[in-house]
Amino acid sequence: MSPESTAGWQDDRPATSGRYSAIVRMMHVVLWLLALAVFAQAILAGLFLDGGGSWRDWHAINGMLVLPLLALTQALLAVLVWRGGRAPGWLPIASLGLLVALLVQNVMGRTSQVAVHVPLGLAIFGLIATLLVRARTLTRPMTHPAS
């Protein structure tokens, strides 16, 4: 196998500073923090439904403060990575969708719409997991079909 035959694995995008790779790393960290915070939401919900009333306050703080701030940070980082030419357009759209879903989730939780709140929470967890898996490819070189 000659070096020319592996050229499809090389990144032919213009060289950029390490700034974008740092932003991608920060985005991965934020996505992991989001995943942990959403997982904590489910645990906190279970604890307060099991009779621990004080856990409801922690569930509310996490849902109304921590998660939206992390989602806003994720959306901003996704836009920066996309504008830098290092990510496809779906990334900022999905990240903004996550932020909107979390805001709707807040309203549903505050108005006790459990029939929407619980399934939307599962969908949010799924979206974060999808973002985590798909965002892993941002640090890999683009592949080109063999010609």
N, C-alpha and C. Protein backbone atom coordinates (compact mmCIF):
# COMPACT_ATOMS: atom_id res chain seq x y z
N MET A 1 0.85 -1.17 0.00
CA MET A 1 0.00 0.00 0.00
C MET A 1 0.89 1.23 0.00
N SER A 2 0.71 2.05 -0.97
CA SER A 2 1.55 3.24 -1.10
C SER A 2 0.92 4.40 -0.34
N PRO A 3 1.72 5.41 0.00
CA PRO A 3 1.18 6.57 0.70
C PRO A 3 0.09 7.27 -0.11
N GLU A 4 0.17 7.20 -1.43
CA GLU A 4 -0.83 7.85 -2.26
C GLU A 4 -2.20 7.19 -2.11
N SER A 5 -2.20 5.88 -1.86
CA SER A 5 -3.48 5.18 -1.75
C SER A 5 -4.18 5.48 -0.43
N THR A 6 -3.47 6.01 0.53
CA THR A 6 -4.09 6.36 1.80
C THR A 6 -4.42 7.85 1.87
N ALA A 7 -4.26 8.56 0.77
CA ALA A 7 -4.50 10.00 0.78
C ALA A 7 -5.94 10.34 1.11
N GLY A 8 -6.87 9.42 0.87
CA GLY A 8 -8.27 9.67 1.19
C GLY A 8 -8.51 9.86 2.68
N TRP A 9 -7.59 9.40 3.51
CA TRP A 9 -7.75 9.54 4.94
C TRP A 9 -7.16 10.84 5.46
N GLN A 10 -6.49 11.58 4.63
CA GLN A 10 -5.87 12.82 5.08
C GLN A 10 -6.88 13.95 5.02
N ASP A 11 -6.74 14.86 5.93
CA ASP A 11 -7.62 16.01 6.02
C ASP A 11 -7.15 17.07 5.02
N ASP A 12 -7.99 17.36 4.02
CA ASP A 12 -7.57 18.35 3.03
C ASP A 12 -8.17 19.73 3.31
N ARG A 13 -8.74 19.91 4.48
CA ARG A 13 -9.25 21.23 4.85
C ARG A 13 -8.07 22.14 5.15
N PRO A 14 -8.26 23.45 5.01
CA PRO A 14 -7.16 24.34 5.29
C PRO A 14 -6.70 24.22 6.74
N ALA A 15 -5.42 24.38 6.93
CA ALA A 15 -4.87 24.29 8.28
C ALA A 15 -5.41 25.43 9.12
N THR A 16 -5.84 25.09 10.31
CA THR A 16 -6.35 26.09 11.23
C THR A 16 -5.53 26.01 12.51
N SER A 17 -5.68 27.00 13.31
CA SER A 17 -4.95 27.00 14.58
C SER A 17 -5.52 25.92 15.49
N GLY A 18 -4.85 25.66 16.57
CA GLY A 18 -5.31 24.69 17.54
C GLY A 18 -6.56 25.15 18.26
N ARG A 19 -7.01 26.36 17.95
CA ARG A 19 -8.19 26.92 18.60
C ARG A 19 -9.41 26.05 18.36
N TYR A 20 -9.57 25.56 17.12
CA TYR A 20 -10.75 24.77 16.81
C TYR A 20 -10.70 23.40 17.48
N SER A 21 -9.53 22.80 17.56
CA SER A 21 -9.45 21.52 18.25
C SER A 21 -9.73 21.72 19.75
N ALA A 22 -9.33 22.85 20.30
CA ALA A 22 -9.64 23.13 21.71
C ALA A 22 -11.14 23.33 21.88
N ILE A 23 -11.79 23.99 20.94
CA ILE A 23 -13.24 24.19 21.01
C ILE A 23 -13.95 22.85 20.91
N VAL A 24 -13.48 21.98 20.02
CA VAL A 24 -14.08 20.65 19.89
C VAL A 24 -13.92 19.87 21.19
N ARG A 25 -12.75 19.95 21.80
CA ARG A 25 -12.54 19.27 23.10
C ARG A 25 -13.47 19.84 24.17
N MET A 26 -13.62 21.17 24.20
CA MET A 26 -14.52 21.77 25.17
C MET A 26 -15.96 21.31 24.92
N MET A 27 -16.31 21.19 23.64
CA MET A 27 -17.66 20.73 23.30
C MET A 27 -17.88 19.30 23.79
N HIS A 28 -16.87 18.45 23.65
CA HIS A 28 -16.99 17.07 24.15
C HIS A 28 -17.17 17.07 25.66
N VAL A 29 -16.43 17.91 26.36
CA VAL A 29 -16.56 17.99 27.82
C VAL A 29 -17.96 18.44 28.20
N VAL A 30 -18.47 19.46 27.51
CA VAL A 30 -19.81 19.97 27.81
C VAL A 30 -20.86 18.89 27.53
N LEU A 31 -20.70 18.15 26.44
CA LEU A 31 -21.65 17.08 26.13
C LEU A 31 -21.63 16.00 27.22
N TRP A 32 -20.44 15.65 27.72
CA TRP A 32 -20.37 14.67 28.81
C TRP A 32 -21.01 15.22 30.08
N LEU A 33 -20.79 16.50 30.35
CA LEU A 33 -21.43 17.10 31.52
C LEU A 33 -22.95 17.12 31.37
N LEU A 34 -23.42 17.39 30.16
CA LEU A 34 -24.86 17.33 29.90
C LEU A 34 -25.40 15.92 30.14
N ALA A 35 -24.68 14.93 29.64
CA ALA A 35 -25.12 13.54 29.83
C ALA A 35 -25.19 13.19 31.32
N LEU A 36 -24.17 13.60 32.07
CA LEU A 36 -24.18 13.33 33.51
C LEU A 36 -25.31 14.08 34.22
N ALA A 37 -25.55 15.32 33.84
CA ALA A 37 -26.60 16.10 34.47
C ALA A 37 -27.98 15.54 34.16
N VAL A 38 -28.19 15.05 32.94
CA VAL A 38 -29.48 14.45 32.59
C VAL A 38 -29.66 13.13 33.33
N PHE A 39 -28.59 12.36 33.44
CA PHE A 39 -28.66 11.12 34.21
C PHE A 39 -28.97 11.43 35.68
N ALA A 40 -28.34 12.48 36.21
CA ALA A 40 -28.62 12.91 37.59
C ALA A 40 -30.08 13.34 37.73
N GLN A 41 -30.64 13.95 36.69
CA GLN A 41 -32.05 14.35 36.74
C GLN A 41 -32.95 13.15 36.99
N ALA A 42 -32.69 12.07 36.27
CA ALA A 42 -33.51 10.87 36.43
C ALA A 42 -33.36 10.31 37.85
N ILE A 43 -32.15 10.31 38.37
CA ILE A 43 -31.92 9.81 39.74
C ILE A 43 -32.62 10.72 40.75
N LEU A 44 -32.47 12.02 40.58
CA LEU A 44 -33.11 12.96 41.50
C LEU A 44 -34.63 12.85 41.45
N ALA A 45 -35.18 12.66 40.26
CA ALA A 45 -36.63 12.49 40.13
C ALA A 45 -37.08 11.24 40.86
N GLY A 46 -36.33 10.16 40.70
CA GLY A 46 -36.68 8.93 41.40
C GLY A 46 -36.61 9.09 42.91
N LEU A 47 -35.62 9.83 43.37
CA LEU A 47 -35.47 10.04 44.82
C LEU A 47 -36.63 10.85 45.39
N PHE A 48 -37.05 11.91 44.68
CA PHE A 48 -38.13 12.69 45.27
C PHE A 48 -39.48 12.02 45.07
N LEU A 49 -39.63 11.19 44.04
CA LEU A 49 -40.87 10.43 43.89
C LEU A 49 -40.97 9.31 44.92
N ASP A 50 -39.82 8.91 45.44
CA ASP A 50 -39.78 7.87 46.47
C ASP A 50 -40.06 8.44 47.86
N GLY A 51 -40.32 9.72 47.93
CA GLY A 51 -40.70 10.31 49.21
C GLY A 51 -39.73 11.32 49.77
N GLY A 52 -38.62 11.54 49.12
CA GLY A 52 -37.64 12.52 49.60
C GLY A 52 -37.93 13.89 49.01
N GLY A 53 -38.72 14.68 49.70
CA GLY A 53 -39.16 15.98 49.19
C GLY A 53 -38.03 16.95 48.89
N SER A 54 -36.94 16.87 49.63
CA SER A 54 -35.83 17.81 49.42
C SER A 54 -35.14 17.56 48.07
N TRP A 55 -35.25 16.35 47.55
CA TRP A 55 -34.62 16.05 46.26
C TRP A 55 -35.33 16.78 45.12
N ARG A 56 -36.56 17.17 45.34
CA ARG A 56 -37.29 17.91 44.30
C ARG A 56 -36.61 19.25 44.04
N ASP A 57 -36.11 19.88 45.09
CA ASP A 57 -35.40 21.15 44.92
C ASP A 57 -34.13 20.97 44.08
N TRP A 58 -33.40 19.88 44.36
CA TRP A 58 -32.19 19.61 43.57
C TRP A 58 -32.55 19.31 42.12
N HIS A 59 -33.63 18.58 41.91
CA HIS A 59 -34.11 18.28 40.56
C HIS A 59 -34.46 19.58 39.83
N ALA A 60 -35.10 20.50 40.55
CA ALA A 60 -35.49 21.78 39.95
C ALA A 60 -34.27 22.64 39.62
N ILE A 61 -33.32 22.69 40.54
CA ILE A 61 -32.11 23.50 40.30
C ILE A 61 -31.33 22.95 39.11
N ASN A 62 -31.17 21.65 39.08
CA ASN A 62 -30.45 21.03 37.96
C ASN A 62 -31.17 21.28 36.65
N GLY A 63 -32.50 21.14 36.67
CA GLY A 63 -33.28 21.30 35.44
C GLY A 63 -33.46 22.73 34.99
N MET A 64 -33.53 23.66 35.93
CA MET A 64 -33.79 25.05 35.55
C MET A 64 -32.54 25.90 35.42
N LEU A 65 -31.42 25.43 35.97
CA LEU A 65 -30.21 26.23 35.93
C LEU A 65 -29.06 25.50 35.22
N VAL A 66 -28.68 24.35 35.73
CA VAL A 66 -27.50 23.66 35.23
C VAL A 66 -27.70 23.19 33.78
N LEU A 67 -28.77 22.47 33.52
CA LEU A 67 -28.98 21.93 32.17
C LEU A 67 -29.13 23.01 31.10
N PRO A 68 -29.96 24.04 31.31
CA PRO A 68 -30.05 25.08 30.28
C PRO A 68 -28.72 25.82 30.03
N LEU A 69 -27.96 26.07 31.09
CA LEU A 69 -26.67 26.75 30.90
C LEU A 69 -25.69 25.87 30.12
N LEU A 70 -25.66 24.59 30.44
CA LEU A 70 -24.81 23.68 29.68
C LEU A 70 -25.27 23.57 28.23
N ALA A 71 -26.58 23.52 28.02
CA ALA A 71 -27.10 23.42 26.65
C ALA A 71 -26.80 24.70 25.86
N LEU A 72 -26.90 25.84 26.50
CA LEU A 72 -26.56 27.10 25.84
C LEU A 72 -25.08 27.12 25.47
N THR A 73 -24.23 26.67 26.39
CA THR A 73 -22.80 26.59 26.11
C THR A 73 -22.54 25.64 24.94
N GLN A 74 -23.22 24.49 24.95
CA GLN A 74 -23.07 23.52 23.86
C GLN A 74 -23.48 24.13 22.53
N ALA A 75 -24.59 24.85 22.51
CA ALA A 75 -25.06 25.47 21.27
C ALA A 75 -24.05 26.50 20.75
N LEU A 76 -23.51 27.30 21.65
CA LEU A 76 -22.52 28.30 21.24
C LEU A 76 -21.25 27.64 20.70
N LEU A 77 -20.79 26.60 21.38
CA LEU A 77 -19.60 25.88 20.91
C LEU A 77 -19.87 25.21 19.56
N ALA A 78 -21.05 24.66 19.39
CA ALA A 78 -21.40 24.01 18.12
C ALA A 78 -21.40 25.01 16.97
N VAL A 79 -21.91 26.20 17.22
CA VAL A 79 -21.90 27.24 16.19
C VAL A 79 -20.47 27.64 15.85
N LEU A 80 -19.62 27.78 16.87
CA LEU A 80 -18.22 28.15 16.63
C LEU A 80 -17.50 27.08 15.80
N VAL A 81 -17.72 25.82 16.14
CA VAL A 81 -17.07 24.74 15.39
C VAL A 81 -17.59 24.70 13.96
N TRP A 82 -18.90 24.87 13.80
CA TRP A 82 -19.49 24.86 12.46
C TRP A 82 -19.00 26.05 11.63
N ARG A 83 -18.97 27.24 12.23
CA ARG A 83 -18.51 28.44 11.50
C ARG A 83 -17.03 28.33 11.15
N GLY A 84 -16.28 27.58 11.93
CA GLY A 84 -14.87 27.37 11.64
C GLY A 84 -14.64 26.32 10.55
N GLY A 85 -15.72 25.76 10.02
CA GLY A 85 -15.61 24.79 8.95
C GLY A 85 -15.20 23.40 9.42
N ARG A 86 -15.34 23.13 10.71
CA ARG A 86 -14.91 21.84 11.25
C ARG A 86 -16.08 20.92 11.60
N ALA A 87 -17.31 21.31 11.27
CA ALA A 87 -18.47 20.48 11.61
C ALA A 87 -19.57 20.70 10.58
N PRO A 88 -20.40 19.69 10.40
CA PRO A 88 -21.54 19.85 9.49
C PRO A 88 -22.62 20.72 10.13
N GLY A 89 -23.56 21.16 9.31
CA GLY A 89 -24.61 22.07 9.76
C GLY A 89 -25.60 21.46 10.74
N TRP A 90 -25.69 20.13 10.78
CA TRP A 90 -26.64 19.51 11.71
C TRP A 90 -26.25 19.74 13.16
N LEU A 91 -24.97 19.93 13.42
CA LEU A 91 -24.52 20.04 14.81
C LEU A 91 -25.11 21.26 15.53
N PRO A 92 -25.01 22.47 14.99
CA PRO A 92 -25.63 23.59 15.70
C PRO A 92 -27.16 23.51 15.73
N ILE A 93 -27.75 22.92 14.68
CA ILE A 93 -29.21 22.78 14.66
C ILE A 93 -29.66 21.83 15.77
N ALA A 94 -28.99 20.69 15.88
CA ALA A 94 -29.33 19.73 16.94
C ALA A 94 -29.06 20.32 18.32
N SER A 95 -28.01 21.09 18.45
CA SER A 95 -27.68 21.69 19.74
C SER A 95 -28.72 22.75 20.14
N LEU A 96 -29.17 23.53 19.16
CA LEU A 96 -30.24 24.49 19.45
C LEU A 96 -31.54 23.77 19.76
N GLY A 97 -31.79 22.66 19.05
CA GLY A 97 -32.97 21.85 19.34
C GLY A 97 -32.93 21.30 20.77
N LEU A 98 -31.75 20.93 21.22
CA LEU A 98 -31.58 20.46 22.59
C LEU A 98 -31.92 21.56 23.59
N LEU A 99 -31.45 22.76 23.32
CA LEU A 99 -31.75 23.88 24.20
C LEU A 99 -33.25 24.14 24.26
N VAL A 100 -33.91 24.14 23.10
CA VAL A 100 -35.36 24.36 23.06
C VAL A 100 -36.09 23.24 23.80
N ALA A 101 -35.65 22.00 23.59
CA ALA A 101 -36.28 20.87 24.27
C ALA A 101 -36.15 21.00 25.79
N LEU A 102 -35.00 21.47 26.26
CA LEU A 102 -34.81 21.65 27.70
C LEU A 102 -35.69 22.77 28.24
N LEU A 103 -35.88 23.82 27.46
CA LEU A 103 -36.76 24.90 27.91
C LEU A 103 -38.21 24.43 27.97
N VAL A 104 -38.64 23.66 26.97
CA VAL A 104 -39.98 23.08 27.00
C VAL A 104 -40.10 22.12 28.19
N GLN A 105 -39.05 21.36 28.43
CA GLN A 105 -39.02 20.42 29.56
C GLN A 105 -39.22 21.17 30.87
N ASN A 106 -38.59 22.33 31.01
CA ASN A 106 -38.77 23.16 32.20
C ASN A 106 -40.23 23.53 32.41
N VAL A 107 -40.86 24.00 31.35
CA VAL A 107 -42.27 24.40 31.43
C VAL A 107 -43.14 23.20 31.79
N MET A 108 -42.89 22.07 31.16
CA MET A 108 -43.69 20.88 31.44
C MET A 108 -43.49 20.41 32.89
N GLY A 109 -42.29 20.52 33.40
CA GLY A 109 -42.04 20.12 34.77
C GLY A 109 -42.67 21.07 35.78
N ARG A 110 -42.58 22.36 35.49
CA ARG A 110 -43.15 23.35 36.42
C ARG A 110 -44.66 23.31 36.46
N THR A 111 -45.29 22.86 35.35
CA THR A 111 -46.75 22.78 35.30
C THR A 111 -47.23 21.36 35.57
N SER A 112 -46.33 20.47 35.99
CA SER A 112 -46.64 19.08 36.35
C SER A 112 -47.29 18.30 35.20
N GLN A 113 -46.83 18.53 34.00
CA GLN A 113 -47.31 17.78 32.83
C GLN A 113 -46.45 16.54 32.66
N VAL A 114 -46.60 15.60 33.57
CA VAL A 114 -45.74 14.42 33.63
C VAL A 114 -45.85 13.59 32.35
N ALA A 115 -47.02 13.58 31.72
CA ALA A 115 -47.21 12.79 30.50
C ALA A 115 -46.31 13.28 29.37
N VAL A 116 -45.90 14.52 29.41
CA VAL A 116 -44.97 15.07 28.41
C VAL A 116 -43.56 15.13 29.00
N HIS A 117 -43.46 15.47 30.27
CA HIS A 117 -42.18 15.69 30.94
C HIS A 117 -41.28 14.45 30.91
N VAL A 118 -41.83 13.30 31.22
CA VAL A 118 -41.02 12.08 31.29
C VAL A 118 -40.55 11.62 29.90
N PRO A 119 -41.46 11.48 28.91
CA PRO A 119 -40.97 11.07 27.58
C PRO A 119 -40.02 12.08 26.95
N LEU A 120 -40.25 13.37 27.18
CA LEU A 120 -39.35 14.38 26.65
C LEU A 120 -37.98 14.26 27.31
N GLY A 121 -37.95 13.93 28.59
CA GLY A 121 -36.67 13.70 29.27
C GLY A 121 -35.91 12.55 28.63
N LEU A 122 -36.60 11.49 28.28
CA LEU A 122 -35.94 10.37 27.60
C LEU A 122 -35.43 10.78 26.22
N ALA A 123 -36.23 11.57 25.51
CA ALA A 123 -35.80 12.05 24.19
C ALA A 123 -34.57 12.95 24.31
N ILE A 124 -34.53 13.78 25.34
CA ILE A 124 -33.38 14.65 25.57
C ILE A 124 -32.14 13.81 25.83
N PHE A 125 -32.28 12.78 26.65
CA PHE A 125 -31.15 11.90 26.93
C PHE A 125 -30.67 11.24 25.64
N GLY A 126 -31.60 10.80 24.81
CA GLY A 126 -31.24 10.20 23.52
C GLY A 126 -30.54 11.18 22.60
N LEU A 127 -31.00 12.43 22.58
CA LEU A 127 -30.36 13.44 21.73
C LEU A 127 -28.94 13.73 22.20
N ILE A 128 -28.75 13.80 23.49
CA ILE A 128 -27.40 14.03 24.02
C ILE A 128 -26.49 12.86 23.69
N ALA A 129 -27.01 11.65 23.84
CA ALA A 129 -26.20 10.46 23.49
C ALA A 129 -25.84 10.47 22.01
N THR A 130 -26.79 10.84 21.16
CA THR A 130 -26.52 10.94 19.73
C THR A 130 -25.47 11.99 19.43
N LEU A 131 -25.59 13.15 20.07
CA LEU A 131 -24.59 14.20 19.88
C LEU A 131 -23.21 13.74 20.33
N LEU A 132 -23.15 13.02 21.44
CA LEU A 132 -21.86 12.51 21.92
C LEU A 132 -21.23 11.57 20.89
N VAL A 133 -22.01 10.66 20.39
CA VAL A 133 -21.48 9.68 19.43
C VAL A 133 -21.08 10.36 18.12
N ARG A 134 -21.96 11.21 17.61
CA ARG A 134 -21.69 11.84 16.32
C ARG A 134 -20.59 12.89 16.40
N ALA A 135 -20.46 13.55 17.52
CA ALA A 135 -19.43 14.59 17.66
C ALA A 135 -18.03 13.99 17.76
N ARG A 136 -17.94 12.70 18.06
CA ARG A 136 -16.61 12.05 18.10
C ARG A 136 -15.91 12.14 16.76
N THR A 137 -16.66 12.19 15.68
CA THR A 137 -16.06 12.20 14.35
C THR A 137 -15.48 13.56 13.99
N LEU A 138 -15.74 14.57 14.79
CA LEU A 138 -15.25 15.91 14.45
C LEU A 138 -13.74 16.01 14.55
N THR A 139 -13.12 15.16 15.32
CA THR A 139 -11.67 15.22 15.45
C THR A 139 -10.98 14.27 14.47
N ARG A 140 -11.76 13.49 13.76
CA ARG A 140 -11.19 12.58 12.77
C ARG A 140 -11.09 13.28 11.43
N PRO A 141 -10.13 12.90 10.63
CA PRO A 141 -10.03 13.49 9.30
C PRO A 141 -11.22 13.10 8.44
N MET A 142 -11.57 13.98 7.52
CA MET A 142 -12.63 13.68 6.58
C MET A 142 -12.16 12.58 5.63
N THR A 143 -13.05 11.68 5.29
CA THR A 143 -12.71 10.64 4.34
C THR A 143 -13.32 11.00 2.99
N HIS A 144 -12.67 10.57 1.96
CA HIS A 144 -13.14 10.83 0.61
C HIS A 144 -13.32 9.50 -0.09
N PRO A 145 -14.33 9.39 -0.93
CA PRO A 145 -14.52 8.14 -1.64
C PRO A 145 -13.33 7.86 -2.56
N ALA A 146 -13.01 6.59 -2.67
CA ALA A 146 -11.89 6.21 -3.55
C ALA A 146 -12.24 6.52 -4.99
N SER A 147 -11.28 7.05 -5.69
CA SER A 147 -11.57 7.37 -7.09
C SER A 147 -10.70 6.58 -8.03
